[in-house]
PDB file of N, CA and C in Angstrom:
ATOM      1  N   MET A   1      12.346 -17.713  19.571  1.00  0.00           N
ATOM      2  CA  MET A   1      11.239 -17.184  20.353  1.00  0.00           C
ATOM      3  C   MET A   1      11.783 -16.129  21.314  1.00  0.00           C
ATOM      4  N   PRO A   2      11.111 -14.983  21.355  1.00  0.00           N
ATOM      5  CA  PRO A   2      11.599 -13.912  22.226  1.00  0.00           C
ATOM      6  C   PRO A   2      11.397 -14.235  23.711  1.00  0.00           C
ATOM      7  N   ASN A   3      12.282 -13.704  24.520  1.00  0.00           N
ATOM      8  CA  ASN A   3      12.192 -13.897  25.962  1.00  0.00           C
ATOM      9  C   ASN A   3      11.669 -12.655  26.667  1.00  0.00           C
ATOM     10  N   ILE A   4      11.945 -11.492  26.109  1.00  0.00           N
ATOM     11  CA  ILE A   4      11.561 -10.229  26.728  1.00  0.00           C
ATOM     12  C   ILE A   4      10.088  -9.937  26.420  1.00  0.00           C
ATOM     13  N   LYS A   5       9.403  -9.394  27.407  1.00  0.00           N
ATOM     14  CA  LYS A   5       7.971  -9.150  27.293  1.00  0.00           C
ATOM     15  C   LYS A   5       7.632  -8.246  26.101  1.00  0.00           C
ATOM     16  N   SER A   6       8.377  -7.184  25.912  1.00  0.00           N
ATOM     17  CA  SER A   6       8.104  -6.260  24.807  1.00  0.00           C
ATOM     18  C   SER A   6       8.358  -6.935  23.459  1.00  0.00           C
ATOM     19  N   ALA A   7       9.331  -7.815  23.397  1.00  0.00           N
ATOM     20  CA  ALA A   7       9.623  -8.530  22.147  1.00  0.00           C
ATOM     21  C   ALA A   7       8.500  -9.513  21.826  1.00  0.00           C
ATOM     22  N   LYS A   8       7.911 -10.125  22.849  1.00  0.00           N
ATOM     23  CA  LYS A   8       6.772 -11.031  22.642  1.00  0.00           C
ATOM     24  C   LYS A   8       5.585 -10.263  22.078  1.00  0.00           C
ATOM     25  N   LYS A   9       5.373  -9.060  22.635  1.00  0.00           N
ATOM     26  CA  LYS A   9       4.268  -8.229  22.165  1.00  0.00           C
ATOM     27  C   LYS A   9       4.500  -7.804  20.717  1.00  0.00           C
ATOM     28  N   GLU A  10       5.714  -7.431  20.381  1.00  0.00           N
ATOM     29  CA  GLU A  10       6.044  -7.047  19.000  1.00  0.00           C
ATOM     30  C   GLU A  10       5.793  -8.202  18.038  1.00  0.00           C
ATOM     31  N   LEU A  11       6.086  -9.418  18.497  1.00  0.00           N
ATOM     32  CA  LEU A  11       5.849 -10.592  17.662  1.00  0.00           C
ATOM     33  C   LEU A  11       4.351 -10.757  17.378  1.00  0.00           C
ATOM     34  N   ARG A  12       3.529 -10.543  18.400  1.00  0.00           N
ATOM     35  CA  ARG A  12       2.075 -10.633  18.224  1.00  0.00           C
ATOM     36  C   ARG A  12       1.581  -9.529  17.284  1.00  0.00           C
ATOM     37  N   LYS A  13       2.102  -8.319  17.473  1.00  0.00           N
ATOM     38  CA  LYS A  13       1.697  -7.202  16.626  1.00  0.00           C
ATOM     39  C   LYS A  13       2.077  -7.446  15.170  1.00  0.00           C
ATOM     40  N   ALA A  14       3.269  -7.986  14.970  1.00  0.00           N
ATOM     41  CA  ALA A  14       3.738  -8.260  13.610  1.00  0.00           C
ATOM     42  C   ALA A  14       2.847  -9.294  12.930  1.00  0.00           C
ATOM     43  N   ALA A  15       2.404 -10.288  13.698  1.00  0.00           N
ATOM     44  CA  ALA A  15       1.534 -11.316  13.133  1.00  0.00           C
ATOM     45  C   ALA A  15       0.187 -10.718  12.719  1.00  0.00           C
ATOM     46  N   ARG A  16      -0.357  -9.827  13.539  1.00  0.00           N
ATOM     47  CA  ARG A  16      -1.632  -9.175  13.197  1.00  0.00           C
ATOM     48  C   ARG A  16      -1.473  -8.295  11.963  1.00  0.00           C
ATOM     49  N   ARG A  17      -0.382  -7.560  11.909  1.00  0.00           N
ATOM     50  CA  ARG A  17      -0.139  -6.688  10.751  1.00  0.00           C
ATOM     51  C   ARG A  17       0.004  -7.512   9.473  1.00  0.00           C
ATOM     52  N   GLN A  18       0.705  -8.623   9.571  1.00  0.00           N
ATOM     53  CA  GLN A  18       0.898  -9.476   8.409  1.00  0.00           C
ATOM     54  C   GLN A  18      -0.425 -10.048   7.924  1.00  0.00           C
ATOM     55  N   GLN A  19      -1.288 -10.413   8.882  1.00  0.00           N
ATOM     56  CA  GLN A  19      -2.590 -10.953   8.509  1.00  0.00           C
ATOM     57  C   GLN A  19      -3.423  -9.900   7.775  1.00  0.00           C
ATOM     58  N   ARG A  20      -3.419  -8.662   8.281  1.00  0.00           N
ATOM     59  CA  ARG A  20      -4.151  -7.580   7.624  1.00  0.00           C
ATOM     60  C   ARG A  20      -3.588  -7.319   6.228  1.00  0.00           C
ATOM     61  N   SER A  21      -2.279  -7.326   6.123  1.00  0.00           N
ATOM     62  CA  SER A  21      -1.629  -7.090   4.843  1.00  0.00           C
ATOM     63  C   SER A  21      -1.992  -8.186   3.843  1.00  0.00           C
ATOM     64  N   ASP A  22      -2.019  -9.420   4.307  1.00  0.00           N
ATOM     65  CA  ASP A  22      -2.380 -10.535   3.432  1.00  0.00           C
ATOM     66  C   ASP A  22      -3.819 -10.414   2.944  1.00  0.00           C
ATOM     67  N   GLU A  23      -4.724  -9.972   3.832  1.00  0.00           N
ATOM     68  CA  GLU A  23      -6.120  -9.799   3.438  1.00  0.00           C
ATOM     69  C   GLU A  23      -6.247  -8.727   2.360  1.00  0.00           C
ATOM     70  N   VAL A  24      -5.520  -7.635   2.532  1.00  0.00           N
ATOM     71  CA  VAL A  24      -5.555  -6.549   1.543  1.00  0.00           C
ATOM     72  C   VAL A  24      -5.012  -7.049   0.211  1.00  0.00           C
ATOM     73  N   LYS A  25      -3.915  -7.790   0.249  1.00  0.00           N
ATOM     74  CA  LYS A  25      -3.311  -8.296  -0.978  1.00  0.00           C
ATOM     75  C   LYS A  25      -4.209  -9.315  -1.675  1.00  0.00           C
ATOM     76  N   ASP A  26      -4.917 -10.150  -0.895  1.00  0.00           N
ATOM     77  CA  ASP A  26      -5.840 -11.111  -1.489  1.00  0.00           C
ATOM     78  C   ASP A  26      -6.971 -10.403  -2.229  1.00  0.00           C
ATOM     79  N   GLU A  27      -7.536  -9.396  -1.578  1.00  0.00           N
ATOM     80  CA  GLU A  27      -8.612  -8.624  -2.202  1.00  0.00           C
ATOM     81  C   GLU A  27      -8.106  -7.928  -3.464  1.00  0.00           C
ATOM     82  N   LEU A  28      -6.910  -7.403  -3.389  1.00  0.00           N
ATOM     83  CA  LEU A  28      -6.312  -6.724  -4.535  1.00  0.00           C
ATOM     84  C   LEU A  28      -6.111  -7.688  -5.698  1.00  0.00           C
ATOM     85  N   SER A  29      -5.612  -8.866  -5.405  1.00  0.00           N
ATOM     86  CA  SER A  29      -5.354  -9.826  -6.479  1.00  0.00           C
ATOM     87  C   SER A  29      -6.649 -10.238  -7.170  1.00  0.00           C
ATOM     88  N   LEU A  30      -7.744 -10.332  -6.419  1.00  0.00           N
ATOM     89  CA  LEU A  30      -9.029 -10.671  -7.036  1.00  0.00           C
ATOM     90  C   LEU A  30      -9.485  -9.577  -7.993  1.00  0.00           C
ATOM     91  N   THR A  31      -9.334  -8.330  -7.589  1.00  0.00           N
ATOM     92  CA  THR A  31      -9.757  -7.237  -8.467  1.00  0.00           C
ATOM     93  C   THR A  31      -8.868  -7.139  -9.706  1.00  0.00           C
ATOM     94  N   LEU A  32      -7.574  -7.392  -9.527  1.00  0.00           N
ATOM     95  CA  LEU A  32      -6.666  -7.359 -10.679  1.00  0.00           C
ATOM     96  C   LEU A  32      -6.988  -8.487 -11.655  1.00  0.00           C
ATOM     97  N   LYS A  33      -7.380  -9.643 -11.137  1.00  0.00           N
ATOM     98  CA  LYS A  33      -7.746 -10.764 -12.006  1.00  0.00           C
ATOM     99  C   LYS A  33      -8.984 -10.433 -12.835  1.00  0.00           C
ATOM    100  N   LYS A  34      -9.933  -9.710 -12.224  1.00  0.00           N
ATOM    101  CA  LYS A  34     -11.134  -9.314 -12.965  1.00  0.00           C
ATOM    102  C   LYS A  34     -10.770  -8.434 -14.157  1.00  0.00           C
ATOM    103  N   VAL A  35      -9.861  -7.497 -13.931  1.00  0.00           N
ATOM    104  CA  VAL A  35      -9.441  -6.599 -15.011  1.00  0.00           C
ATOM    105  C   VAL A  35      -8.728  -7.390 -16.101  1.00  0.00           C
ATOM    106  N   LYS A  36      -7.808  -8.247 -15.697  1.00  0.00           N
ATOM    107  CA  LYS A  36      -7.040  -9.016 -16.676  1.00  0.00           C
ATOM    108  C   LYS A  36      -7.939  -9.953 -17.483  1.00  0.00           C
ATOM    109  N   LYS A  37      -8.959 -10.524 -16.836  1.00  0.00           N
ATOM    110  CA  LYS A  37      -9.890 -11.400 -17.544  1.00  0.00           C
ATOM    111  C   LYS A  37     -10.697 -10.600 -18.562  1.00  0.00           C
ATOM    112  N   ALA A  38     -11.147  -9.413 -18.172  1.00  0.00           N
ATOM    113  CA  ALA A  38     -11.906  -8.568 -19.088  1.00  0.00           C
ATOM    114  C   ALA A  38     -11.041  -8.140 -20.271  1.00  0.00           C
ATOM    115  N   ILE A  39      -9.765  -7.872 -20.010  1.00  0.00           N
ATOM    116  CA  ILE A  39      -8.843  -7.500 -21.085  1.00  0.00           C
ATOM    117  C   ILE A  39      -8.643  -8.677 -22.032  1.00  0.00           C
ATOM    118  N   ALA A  40      -8.471  -9.871 -21.465  1.00  0.00           N
ATOM    119  CA  ALA A  40      -8.262 -11.060 -22.293  1.00  0.00           C
ATOM    120  C   ALA A  40      -9.490 -11.364 -23.145  1.00  0.00           C
ATOM    121  N   ASP A  41     -10.688 -11.103 -22.598  1.00  0.00           N
ATOM    122  CA  ASP A  41     -11.924 -11.343 -23.338  1.00  0.00           C
ATOM    123  C   ASP A  41     -12.180 -10.256 -24.381  1.00  0.00           C
ATOM    124  N   GLY A  42     -11.517  -9.119 -24.232  1.00  0.00           N
ATOM    125  CA  GLY A  42     -11.696  -8.025 -25.164  1.00  0.00           C
ATOM    126  C   GLY A  42     -12.916  -7.176 -24.863  1.00  0.00           C
ATOM    127  N   ALA A  43     -13.466  -7.318 -23.672  1.00  0.00           N
ATOM    128  CA  ALA A  43     -14.645  -6.536 -23.269  1.00  0.00           C
ATOM    129  C   ALA A  43     -14.194  -5.185 -22.734  1.00  0.00           C
ATOM    130  N   VAL A  44     -14.305  -4.178 -23.575  1.00  0.00           N
ATOM    131  CA  VAL A  44     -13.786  -2.850 -23.238  1.00  0.00           C
ATOM    132  C   VAL A  44     -14.557  -2.238 -22.076  1.00  0.00           C
ATOM    133  N   ASP A  45     -15.888  -2.279 -22.139  1.00  0.00           N
ATOM    134  CA  ASP A  45     -16.691  -1.668 -21.078  1.00  0.00           C
ATOM    135  C   ASP A  45     -16.472  -2.375 -19.744  1.00  0.00           C
ATOM    136  N   ALA A  46     -16.428  -3.689 -19.769  1.00  0.00           N
ATOM    137  CA  ALA A  46     -16.198  -4.456 -18.538  1.00  0.00           C
ATOM    138  C   ALA A  46     -14.801  -4.189 -17.985  1.00  0.00           C
ATOM    139  N   ALA A  47     -13.848  -4.042 -18.883  1.00  0.00           N
ATOM    140  CA  ALA A  47     -12.473  -3.777 -18.454  1.00  0.00           C
ATOM    141  C   ALA A  47     -12.361  -2.407 -17.796  1.00  0.00           C
ATOM    142  N   ARG A  48     -13.038  -1.420 -18.382  1.00  0.00           N
ATOM    143  CA  ARG A  48     -12.991  -0.071 -17.798  1.00  0.00           C
ATOM    144  C   ARG A  48     -13.676  -0.039 -16.433  1.00  0.00           C
ATOM    145  N   GLU A  49     -14.777  -0.754 -16.324  1.00  0.00           N
ATOM    146  CA  GLU A  49     -15.499  -0.804 -15.047  1.00  0.00           C
ATOM    147  C   GLU A  49     -14.663  -1.512 -13.985  1.00  0.00           C
ATOM    148  N   ALA A  50     -14.034  -2.617 -14.360  1.00  0.00           N
ATOM    149  CA  ALA A  50     -13.188  -3.354 -13.424  1.00  0.00           C
ATOM    150  C   ALA A  50     -11.936  -2.556 -13.078  1.00  0.00           C
ATOM    151  N   LEU A  51     -11.471  -1.760 -14.028  1.00  0.00           N
ATOM    152  CA  LEU A  51     -10.287  -0.928 -13.800  1.00  0.00           C
ATOM    153  C   LEU A  51     -10.530   0.079 -12.677  1.00  0.00           C
ATOM    154  N   LYS A  52     -11.719   0.649 -12.625  1.00  0.00           N
ATOM    155  CA  LYS A  52     -12.039   1.608 -11.565  1.00  0.00           C
ATOM    156  C   LYS A  52     -11.883   0.969 -10.188  1.00  0.00           C
ATOM    157  N   GLY A  53     -12.412  -0.235 -10.041  1.00  0.00           N
ATOM    158  CA  GLY A  53     -12.296  -0.939  -8.763  1.00  0.00           C
ATOM    159  C   GLY A  53     -10.864  -1.304  -8.447  1.00  0.00           C
ATOM    160  N   ALA A  54     -10.116  -1.678  -9.479  1.00  0.00           N
ATOM    161  CA  ALA A  54      -8.717  -2.063  -9.276  1.00  0.00           C
ATOM    162  C   ALA A  54      -7.868  -0.868  -8.847  1.00  0.00           C
ATOM    163  N   LEU A  55      -8.118   0.287  -9.442  1.00  0.00           N
ATOM    164  CA  LEU A  55      -7.367   1.487  -9.072  1.00  0.00           C
ATOM    165  C   LEU A  55      -7.633   1.862  -7.623  1.00  0.00           C
ATOM    166  N   LYS A  56      -8.882   1.749  -7.218  1.00  0.00           N
ATOM    167  CA  LYS A  56      -9.241   2.039  -5.835  1.00  0.00           C
ATOM    168  C   LYS A  56      -8.560   1.059  -4.886  1.00  0.00           C
ATOM    169  N   ALA A  57      -8.562  -0.222  -5.262  1.00  0.00           N
ATOM    170  CA  ALA A  57      -7.934  -1.244  -4.426  1.00  0.00           C
ATOM    171  C   ALA A  57      -6.424  -1.038  -4.338  1.00  0.00           C
ATOM    172  N   LEU A  58      -5.806  -0.641  -5.447  1.00  0.00           N
ATOM    173  CA  LEU A  58      -4.368  -0.371  -5.437  1.00  0.00           C
ATOM    174  C   LEU A  58      -4.038   0.805  -4.526  1.00  0.00           C
ATOM    175  N   ASP A  59      -4.847   1.849  -4.606  1.00  0.00           N
ATOM    176  CA  ASP A  59      -4.620   3.012  -3.749  1.00  0.00           C
ATOM    177  C   ASP A  59      -4.759   2.652  -2.272  1.00  0.00           C
ATOM    178  N   LYS A  60      -5.766   1.849  -1.951  1.00  0.00           N
ATOM    179  CA  LYS A  60      -5.963   1.440  -0.557  1.00  0.00           C
ATOM    180  C   LYS A  60      -4.813   0.576  -0.070  1.00  0.00           C
ATOM    181  N   ALA A  61      -4.334  -0.323  -0.919  1.00  0.00           N
ATOM    182  CA  ALA A  61      -3.232  -1.198  -0.528  1.00  0.00           C
ATOM    183  C   ALA A  61      -1.975  -0.389  -0.237  1.00  0.00           C
ATOM    184  N   ALA A  62      -1.712   0.619  -1.055  1.00  0.00           N
ATOM    185  CA  ALA A  62      -0.533   1.461  -0.833  1.00  0.00           C
ATOM    186  C   ALA A  62      -0.718   2.318   0.413  1.00  0.00           C
ATOM    187  N   GLN A  63      -1.931   2.780   0.633  1.00  0.00           N
ATOM    188  CA  GLN A  63      -2.218   3.605   1.792  1.00  0.00           C
ATOM    189  C   GLN A  63      -2.037   2.820   3.085  1.00  0.00           C
ATOM    190  N   LYS A  64      -2.418   1.556   3.058  1.00  0.00           N
ATOM    191  CA  LYS A  64      -2.320   0.718   4.256  1.00  0.00           C
ATOM    192  C   LYS A  64      -0.936   0.104   4.431  1.00  0.00           C
ATOM    193  N   GLY A  65      -0.055   0.331   3.472  1.00  0.00           N
ATOM    194  CA  GLY A  65       1.311  -0.157   3.607  1.00  0.00           C
ATOM    195  C   GLY A  65       1.525  -1.568   3.105  1.00  0.00           C
ATOM    196  N   ALA A  66       0.546  -2.114   2.400  1.00  0.00           N
ATOM    197  CA  ALA A  66       0.684  -3.471   1.872  1.00  0.00           C
ATOM    198  C   ALA A  66       1.607  -3.499   0.660  1.00  0.00           C
ATOM    199  N   MET A  67       1.753  -2.351   0.004  1.00  0.00           N
ATOM    200  CA  MET A  67       2.681  -2.251  -1.124  1.00  0.00           C
ATOM    201  C   MET A  67       3.237  -0.834  -1.163  1.00  0.00           C
ATOM    202  N   LYS A  68       4.357  -0.687  -1.836  1.00  0.00           N
ATOM    203  CA  LYS A  68       4.984   0.630  -1.942  1.00  0.00           C
ATOM    204  C   LYS A  68       4.275   1.462  -3.003  1.00  0.00           C
ATOM    205  N   LYS A  69       4.430   2.754  -2.893  1.00  0.00           N
ATOM    206  CA  LYS A  69       3.747   3.659  -3.806  1.00  0.00           C
ATOM    207  C   LYS A  69       4.226   3.501  -5.247  1.00  0.00           C
ATOM    208  N   ASN A  70       5.507   3.259  -5.438  1.00  0.00           N
ATOM    209  CA  ASN A  70       6.020   3.077  -6.796  1.00  0.00           C
ATOM    210  C   ASN A  70       5.467   1.811  -7.423  1.00  0.00           C
ATOM    211  N   THR A  71       5.299   0.770  -6.626  1.00  0.00           N
ATOM    212  CA  THR A  71       4.713  -0.474  -7.119  1.00  0.00           C
ATOM    213  C   THR A  71       3.278  -0.219  -7.551  1.00  0.00           C
ATOM    214  N   ARG A  72       2.544   0.513  -6.728  1.00  0.00           N
ATOM    215  CA  ARG A  72       1.167   0.877  -7.062  1.00  0.00           C
ATOM    216  C   ARG A  72       1.123   1.638  -8.370  1.00  0.00           C
ATOM    217  N   ASP A  73       1.981   2.633  -8.512  1.00  0.00           N
ATOM    218  CA  ASP A  73       1.989   3.457  -9.711  1.00  0.00           C
ATOM    219  C   ASP A  73       2.330   2.641 -10.956  1.00  0.00           C
ATOM    220  N   ARG A  74       3.276   1.725 -10.822  1.00  0.00           N
ATOM    221  CA  ARG A  74       3.669   0.879 -11.956  1.00  0.00           C
ATOM    222  C   ARG A  74       2.501  -0.012 -12.387  1.00  0.00           C
ATOM    223  N   LYS A  75       1.822  -0.609 -11.416  1.00  0.00           N
ATOM    224  CA  LYS A  75       0.695  -1.483 -11.740  1.00  0.00           C
ATOM    225  C   LYS A  75      -0.453  -0.700 -12.372  1.00  0.00           C
ATOM    226  N   LYS A  76      -0.727   0.506 -11.840  1.00  0.00           N
ATOM    227  CA  LYS A  76      -1.784   1.336 -12.400  1.00  0.00           C
ATOM    228  C   LYS A  76      -1.463   1.702 -13.844  1.00  0.00           C
ATOM    229  N   SER A  77      -0.219   2.055 -14.094  1.00  0.00           N
ATOM    230  CA  SER A  77       0.192   2.444 -15.430  1.00  0.00           C
ATOM    231  C   SER A  77       0.024   1.289 -16.417  1.00  0.00           C
ATOM    232  N   ARG A  78       0.436   0.114 -16.014  1.00  0.00           N
ATOM    233  CA  ARG A  78       0.354  -1.044 -16.915  1.00  0.00           C
ATOM    234  C   ARG A  78      -1.092  -1.450 -17.173  1.00  0.00           C
ATOM    235  N   LEU A  79      -1.944  -1.315 -16.150  1.00  0.00           N
ATOM    236  CA  LEU A  79      -3.358  -1.626 -16.351  1.00  0.00           C
ATOM    237  C   LEU A  79      -3.997  -0.635 -17.321  1.00  0.00           C
ATOM    238  N   HIS A  80      -3.721   0.652 -17.130  1.00  0.00           N
ATOM    239  CA  HIS A  80      -4.245   1.675 -18.042  1.00  0.00           C
ATOM    240  C   HIS A  80      -3.793   1.406 -19.465  1.00  0.00           C
ATOM    241  N   LYS A  81      -2.529   1.074 -19.607  1.00  0.00           N
ATOM    242  CA  LYS A  81      -1.960   0.811 -20.925  1.00  0.00           C
ATOM    243  C   LYS A  81      -2.683  -0.351 -21.613  1.00  0.00           C
ATOM    244  N   ALA A  82      -2.934  -1.411 -20.851  1.00  0.00           N
ATOM    245  CA  ALA A  82      -3.581  -2.594 -21.417  1.00  0.00           C
ATOM    246  C   ALA A  82      -5.032  -2.309 -21.799  1.00  0.00           C
ATOM    247  N   VAL A  83      -5.745  -1.580 -20.954  1.00  0.00           N
ATOM    248  CA  VAL A  83      -7.140  -1.258 -21.256  1.00  0.00           C
ATOM    249  C   VAL A  83      -7.220  -0.335 -22.463  1.00  0.00           C
ATOM    250  N   ASN A  84      -6.328   0.642 -22.529  1.00  0.00           N
ATOM    251  CA  ASN A  84      -6.325   1.547 -23.678  1.00  0.00           C
ATOM    252  C   ASN A  84      -5.990   0.814 -24.966  1.00  0.00           C
ATOM    253  N   LYS A  85      -5.165  -0.209 -24.875  1.00  0.00           N
ATOM    254  CA  LYS A  85      -4.763  -0.980 -26.054  1.00  0.00           C
ATOM    255  C   LYS A  85      -5.960  -1.727 -26.644  1.00  0.00           C
ATOM    256  N   ILE A  86      -6.779  -2.332 -25.779  1.00  0.00           N
ATOM    257  CA  ILE A  86      -7.939  -3.053 -26.332  1.00  0.00           C
ATOM    258  C   ILE A  86      -9.028  -2.086 -26.759  1.00  0.00           C
ATOM    259  N   ALA A  87      -9.051  -0.891 -26.184  1.00  0.00           N
ATOM    260  CA  ALA A  87     -10.054   0.102 -26.574  1.00  0.00           C
ATOM    261  C   ALA A  87      -9.804   0.621 -27.995  1.00  0.00           C
ATOM    262  N   LYS A  88      -8.550   0.630 -28.412  1.00  0.00           N
ATOM    263  CA  LYS A  88      -8.201   1.122 -29.746  1.00  0.00           C
ATOM    264  C   LYS A  88      -8.585   0.134 -30.849  1.00  0.00           C
ATOM    265  N   LYS A  89      -8.678  -1.140 -30.487  1.00  0.00           N
ATOM    266  CA  LYS A  89      -8.968  -2.158 -31.525  1.00  0.00           C
ATOM    267  C   LYS A  89     -10.368  -2.056 -32.058  1.00  0.00           C
TER     268      LYS A  89
END
């Protein structure tokens, strides 16, 4: 536990930031699950629609610092790849 006043404040700030980051990640995981479920079901239109929301959520998460930009790009690429794969069938 910090003793210095500024260190105590930093601890409080870090806790708030972590809470915001967790909320963003929770929302992101829900949108990613929707896409993955649509892909597993083979519903191309539903997958494409869910993909739009997932891409937006990924961009917001990276913008807010919840994830790194390369992680965002990798996830976007893999989602596109999976949706395109079921679209070809």
